[in-house]
Protein backbone atom coordinates (compact mmCIF):
# COMPACT_ATOMS: atom_id res chain seq x y z
CA MET A 1 -11.16 -123.91 -4.91
CA ASN A 2 -11.71 -121.70 -1.96
CA ASN A 3 -13.46 -118.18 -1.84
CA TYR A 4 -11.50 -116.62 0.97
CA ASN A 5 -10.75 -113.02 1.12
CA PRO A 6 -7.38 -112.41 -0.54
CA HIS A 7 -6.67 -109.39 1.66
CA ILE A 8 -6.40 -111.32 4.93
CA PHE A 9 -3.55 -113.23 6.73
CA LYS A 10 -3.94 -117.01 6.82
CA ILE A 11 -2.18 -119.60 8.96
CA ASN A 12 -2.14 -122.86 7.24
CA ILE A 13 -1.70 -125.63 9.86
CA ASP A 14 -1.27 -129.34 9.99
CA GLY A 15 -0.40 -132.21 12.36
CA SER A 16 0.79 -135.71 11.64
CA CYS A 17 1.41 -138.90 13.62
CA LEU A 18 3.37 -141.47 11.66
CA LYS A 19 2.10 -144.44 13.58
CA ASN A 20 -1.16 -143.56 15.09
CA PRO A 21 -1.57 -143.78 18.03
CA GLY A 22 1.78 -143.80 19.91
CA GLY A 23 4.21 -142.92 17.18
CA PRO A 24 6.23 -139.76 16.45
CA GLY A 25 4.35 -136.74 15.42
CA GLY A 26 4.97 -133.32 13.93
CA ILE A 27 3.17 -130.07 13.62
CA ALA A 28 3.72 -127.13 11.26
CA GLY A 29 2.30 -123.69 10.40
CA ILE A 30 2.58 -121.75 7.14
CA LEU A 31 1.81 -117.91 7.11
CA GLU A 32 0.18 -116.79 4.02
CA SER A 33 0.27 -112.98 3.55
CA PRO A 34 -2.44 -110.90 1.80
CA ILE A 35 -2.00 -110.94 -1.94
CA ASN A 36 -1.36 -107.25 -1.93
CA LEU A 37 1.88 -107.69 0.07
CA ASN A 38 3.26 -109.98 -2.56
CA GLN A 39 5.22 -112.06 0.05
CA GLU A 40 6.31 -115.74 -0.12
CA LEU A 41 4.78 -118.45 2.14
CA GLU A 42 6.55 -118.38 5.49
CA PRO A 43 6.91 -121.23 7.90
CA ILE A 44 6.29 -119.81 11.45
CA PHE A 45 6.50 -123.05 13.41
CA LYS A 46 7.62 -126.64 12.89
CA ILE A 47 7.99 -129.04 15.79
CA GLY A 48 8.40 -132.75 16.24
CA TYR A 49 7.13 -134.99 19.10
CA CYS A 50 8.26 -138.28 20.43
CA ALA A 51 4.90 -140.09 20.82
CA THR A 52 1.44 -138.82 20.29
CA THR A 53 -1.70 -139.27 18.21
CA ASN A 54 -3.02 -137.62 14.91
CA ASN A 55 -5.72 -135.64 16.92
CA ARG A 56 -3.20 -134.34 19.50
CA MET A 57 -1.00 -133.03 16.70
CA GLU A 58 -3.96 -131.26 14.92
CA LEU A 59 -4.88 -129.59 18.20
CA ARG A 60 -1.19 -128.66 19.05
CA ALA A 61 -0.96 -127.17 15.55
CA CYS A 62 -3.86 -125.03 16.22
CA ILE A 63 -2.74 -124.08 19.73
CA GLU A 64 0.73 -123.01 18.27
CA ALA A 65 -0.91 -120.94 15.66
CA PHE A 66 -2.88 -119.00 18.41
CA GLU A 67 0.28 -118.61 20.51
CA TRP A 68 1.95 -117.04 17.50
CA ILE A 69 -1.02 -114.68 16.86
CA ARG A 70 -0.91 -113.67 20.51
CA LYS A 71 2.78 -112.83 20.35
CA ASN A 72 2.56 -111.03 17.07
CA GLU A 73 -0.81 -109.39 16.72
CA LYS A 74 0.27 -106.00 18.05
CA LYS A 75 3.79 -105.94 16.49
CA LEU A 76 2.66 -106.90 12.98
CA ASN A 77 -0.95 -105.62 12.97
CA ILE A 78 -1.95 -108.84 11.37
CA LYS A 79 -5.72 -108.73 11.73
CA PRO A 80 -7.91 -109.85 10.19
CA LEU A 81 -6.72 -113.46 10.09
CA MET A 82 -7.98 -117.07 9.49
CA ILE A 83 -6.53 -120.43 10.49
CA ILE A 84 -6.83 -122.97 7.72
CA THR A 85 -6.77 -126.81 8.54
CA ASP A 86 -7.58 -130.06 6.88
CA CYS A 87 -8.63 -131.67 10.09
CA ASP A 88 -12.18 -132.96 10.54
CA TYR A 89 -11.77 -133.56 14.22
CA LEU A 90 -10.75 -129.98 14.93
CA ASN A 91 -13.46 -128.52 12.56
CA LYS A 92 -16.24 -130.82 14.09
CA TYR A 93 -15.64 -129.77 17.63
CA LYS A 94 -14.15 -126.26 17.45
CA ASN A 95 -17.41 -124.73 18.69
CA HIS A 96 -18.14 -127.32 21.22
CA VAL A 97 -15.54 -126.16 23.73
CA GLN A 98 -17.76 -123.56 25.34
CA HIS A 99 -20.39 -126.27 26.17
CA TRP A 100 -17.61 -128.49 27.44
CA ASN A 101 -16.21 -125.74 29.60
CA ARG A 102 -19.68 -125.13 31.10
CA ASP A 103 -20.15 -128.84 31.76
CA GLY A 104 -16.90 -129.30 33.47
CA TRP A 105 -15.18 -130.76 30.46
CA GLU A 106 -17.30 -133.97 30.62
CA ASN A 107 -19.73 -135.24 27.93
CA LYS A 108 -23.10 -134.12 29.23
CA LYS A 109 -24.91 -137.34 28.44
CA SER A 110 -22.27 -140.10 29.33
CA ARG A 111 -20.50 -138.05 31.94
CA ARG A 112 -17.18 -139.29 30.51
CA PRO A 113 -14.20 -136.84 30.24
CA ILE A 114 -13.62 -135.27 26.89
CA LYS A 115 -10.78 -136.87 25.02
CA ASN A 116 -7.66 -134.61 24.80
CA LYS A 117 -9.23 -132.32 27.44
CA ASP A 118 -5.92 -130.68 28.31
CA LEU A 119 -5.46 -129.41 24.67
CA TRP A 120 -9.02 -128.38 24.20
CA LYS A 121 -8.89 -126.39 27.52
CA LYS A 122 -5.63 -124.63 26.42
CA LEU A 123 -7.14 -123.81 22.92
CA TYR A 124 -10.30 -122.56 24.51
CA SER A 125 -8.37 -120.26 26.74
CA LEU A 126 -5.97 -118.97 23.97
CA ARG A 127 -8.81 -118.29 21.59
CA ARG A 128 -10.58 -116.08 24.21
CA SER A 129 -7.35 -114.26 25.03
CA ILE A 130 -6.97 -112.93 21.42
CA GLY A 131 -8.21 -109.34 20.89
CA PHE A 132 -10.17 -110.07 17.81
CA TYR A 133 -12.14 -112.93 16.21
CA VAL A 134 -10.11 -115.66 14.38
CA GLU A 135 -12.01 -117.97 12.26
CA ILE A 136 -10.95 -121.65 11.89
CA LYS A 137 -11.84 -123.06 8.51
CA ARG A 138 -11.50 -126.58 7.05
CA GLU A 139 -9.93 -127.07 3.57
CA ASP A 140 -8.76 -130.09 1.73
CA ARG A 141 -4.92 -130.34 2.05
CA ARG A 142 -4.43 -130.75 -1.60
CA SER A 143 -6.34 -127.46 -2.40
CA THR A 144 -3.46 -125.02 -1.92
CA GLN A 145 0.29 -124.95 -2.00
CA ALA A 146 0.24 -123.56 1.63
CA LEU A 147 -1.55 -126.62 3.02
CA LYS A 148 0.48 -128.94 1.01
CA ASP A 149 3.72 -127.28 2.50
CA ALA A 150 2.35 -127.48 6.01
CA ASP A 151 1.43 -131.20 5.59
CA ASN A 152 4.88 -131.96 4.22
CA LEU A 153 6.63 -130.01 6.90
CA ALA A 154 4.66 -131.69 9.78
CA LYS A 155 5.51 -135.17 8.44
CA TYR A 156 9.14 -134.31 7.92
CA TYR A 157 9.50 -133.08 11.58
CA ALA A 158 7.64 -136.17 12.75
CA LYS A 159 10.19 -138.32 10.96
CA HIS A 160 13.42 -136.48 11.61
CA HIS A 161 13.01 -134.12 14.57
CA SER A 162 10.73 -135.94 16.97
CA THR A 163 12.40 -134.77 20.15
CA LYS A 164 9.66 -132.88 22.16
CA THR A 165 7.45 -134.68 24.65
CA ASP A 166 3.72 -134.49 24.19
CA TYR A 167 2.69 -133.82 27.85
CA GLY A 168 -0.80 -135.29 28.27
CA PHE A 169 -0.52 -138.17 25.85
CA ILE A 170 -1.23 -141.39 27.78
CA PRO A 171 -0.11 -144.63 26.03
CA VAL A 172 -2.98 -146.99 26.18
CA LYS A 173 -2.45 -150.80 26.70
CA VAL A 174 -4.98 -152.55 24.43
CA ALA A 175 -5.88 -156.14 23.82
CA ARG A 176 -8.77 -157.67 22.16
CA SER A 177 -11.95 -158.53 23.77
CA SER A 178 -12.67 -162.16 24.25
CA THR A 179 -16.45 -161.82 23.71
CA ILE A 180 -18.06 -163.01 20.53
CA LYS A 181 -20.46 -160.13 20.17
CA ARG A 182 -19.11 -157.13 18.49
CA LYS A 183 -21.16 -154.60 20.24
CA SER A 184 -19.23 -151.80 22.01
CA SER A 185 -18.84 -151.82 25.77
CA SER A 186 -21.47 -150.16 28.02
CA LEU A 187 -21.39 -148.77 31.55
CA PHE A 188 -21.51 -151.72 34.01
CA TYR A 189 -24.74 -151.63 36.10
CA ALA A 190 -23.03 -151.51 39.44
CA GLN A 191 -25.17 -152.61 42.53
CA ASN A 192 -22.49 -153.85 44.90
CA GLN A 193 -21.74 -156.99 42.95
CA LYS A 194 -18.71 -159.15 43.13
CA GLN A 195 -17.98 -160.01 39.53
CA ALA A 196 -15.35 -161.72 37.44
CA ILE A 197 -13.87 -159.55 34.81
CA LYS A 198 -10.90 -159.65 32.27
CA PRO A 199 -9.61 -156.24 31.50
CA TYR A 200 -8.61 -155.51 27.92
CA LYS A 201 -8.13 -151.78 27.87
CA LYS A 202 -7.43 -148.87 30.29
CA GLU A 203 -7.82 -145.20 29.52
CA TYR A 204 -7.01 -142.10 31.64
CA ALA A 205 -10.11 -140.24 32.75
CA LYS A 206 -9.05 -137.33 35.10
CA LYS A 207 -6.74 -136.65 38.04
CA GLU A 208 -6.17 -140.06 39.73
CA GLU A 209 -9.14 -141.76 37.93
CA TYR A 210 -9.19 -144.24 34.89
CA ILE A 211 -11.73 -146.02 32.89
CA VAL A 212 -11.20 -149.82 32.73
CA PHE A 213 -12.73 -151.74 29.92
CA PHE A 214 -13.41 -155.46 30.52
CA ASP A 215 -15.20 -158.66 29.51
CA LEU A 216 -17.69 -160.12 32.07
CA TYR A 217 -17.02 -163.70 32.91
CA SER A 218 -19.23 -166.47 34.38
CA LYS A 219 -18.20 -170.15 34.66
CA LYS A 220 -21.47 -171.25 32.97
CA GLU A 221 -21.38 -168.90 29.96
CA GLY A 222 -17.79 -167.86 29.75
CA PHE A 223 -17.13 -164.39 28.36
CA THR A 224 -20.51 -162.89 27.64
CA GLU A 225 -20.55 -159.08 27.57
CA LYS A 226 -18.28 -156.02 27.50
CA GLY A 227 -18.47 -153.43 30.29
CA ARG A 228 -16.52 -150.39 31.54
CA ALA A 229 -16.25 -148.81 34.92
CA TYR A 230 -13.89 -146.23 36.78
CA ALA A 231 -11.12 -147.15 39.03
CA ILE A 232 -8.63 -145.17 40.98
CA ALA A 233 -4.98 -145.26 39.89
CA LYS A 234 -3.96 -147.82 42.51
CA ILE A 235 -6.59 -150.37 41.50
CA LYS A 236 -6.22 -149.73 37.78
CA LYS A 237 -2.42 -150.39 38.09
CA GLU A 238 -3.10 -153.84 39.76
CA LEU A 239 -5.67 -154.83 37.09
CA HIS A 240 -3.35 -156.23 34.36
CA ILE A 241 -4.53 -156.65 30.74
CA ASN A 242 -5.76 -160.16 29.94
CA HIS A 243 -5.81 -161.30 33.44
CA LEU A 244 -8.93 -162.58 35.15
CA TYR A 245 -10.06 -161.01 38.43
CA LYS A 246 -12.88 -161.24 40.95
CA VAL A 247 -13.70 -157.60 41.79
CA GLN A 248 -16.14 -155.62 43.96
CA PHE A 249 -18.20 -152.74 42.49
CA ASN A 250 -19.73 -149.82 44.03
CA ASN A 251 -23.55 -149.20 44.24
CA ASN A 252 -23.76 -146.52 41.59
CA PRO A 253 -25.18 -147.63 38.07
CA GLU A 254 -24.76 -144.08 36.68
CA ARG A 255 -21.12 -143.86 37.75
CA PRO A 256 -19.83 -147.52 38.32
CA SER A 257 -16.50 -147.99 39.89
CA ILE A 258 -14.30 -150.98 40.85
CA ILE A 259 -13.52 -150.36 44.48
CA LYS A 260 -11.78 -153.63 45.41
CA ILE A 261 -9.87 -156.36 43.76
CA ILE A 262 -10.90 -159.62 45.71
CA LYS A 263 -8.52 -161.94 44.11
CA GLU A 264 -6.92 -163.12 40.75
CA LEU A 265 -8.48 -166.17 39.12
CA ASP A 266 -7.21 -168.85 37.08
CA PHE A 267 -8.48 -169.17 33.49
CA PRO A 268 -10.74 -172.05 32.86
CA LYS A 269 -9.12 -175.08 31.33
CA LYS A 270 -10.13 -175.74 27.72
């Protein structure tokens, strides 16, 4: 049970992806008026998308709520106002955006781009453009009828009205690593090496740059470790998943890059 002020407006939001990642998605927002106005719950947006992720839908739902606030704050005199979500992802990082903006939208430690950067940047800009403070609060989706309605409506639009394009969503080709070790990949220690690799995943980084995840290969030991490095779009396109290549790395251990594909290799005979 929540202890929110009954005399404020609340926008209850939800985002859903039916087959995460890459499946159809939907978002919805339900306006809950102050108790003294005695008004019914009102859907203020409901949109379906062709292909997306759960996290992108949660962010788009919050963005749509702020868009609605910006358009209606003067006309309806709706402040004070609160946005209610059941999303852990949104709630966890909602206050990190000012630091990400300061750091060029990269993780300060790893220097990797922030995931869903396009939507976080838009949310940051919108939140700053509103003429008053809007709090974002997390609440369990089963706690109120308004959140239940938002959840059901988002799923309905994902299933039946998934027509819009989620610009910024990058489908990721993924295969399984061939290494026995279950450790996650680490940045490759690039020192001008020529190295055999087998790519198993590629992710968008920024502009014309991508991150390639790969298994390191040697004739003596086979597939040993997982690594990752940057690559421009042209090289990334030529590095096919589950193929074996000999590549040239740059000389920058802190920001390793694949700068040349020397040749494609044949897999060893078993």
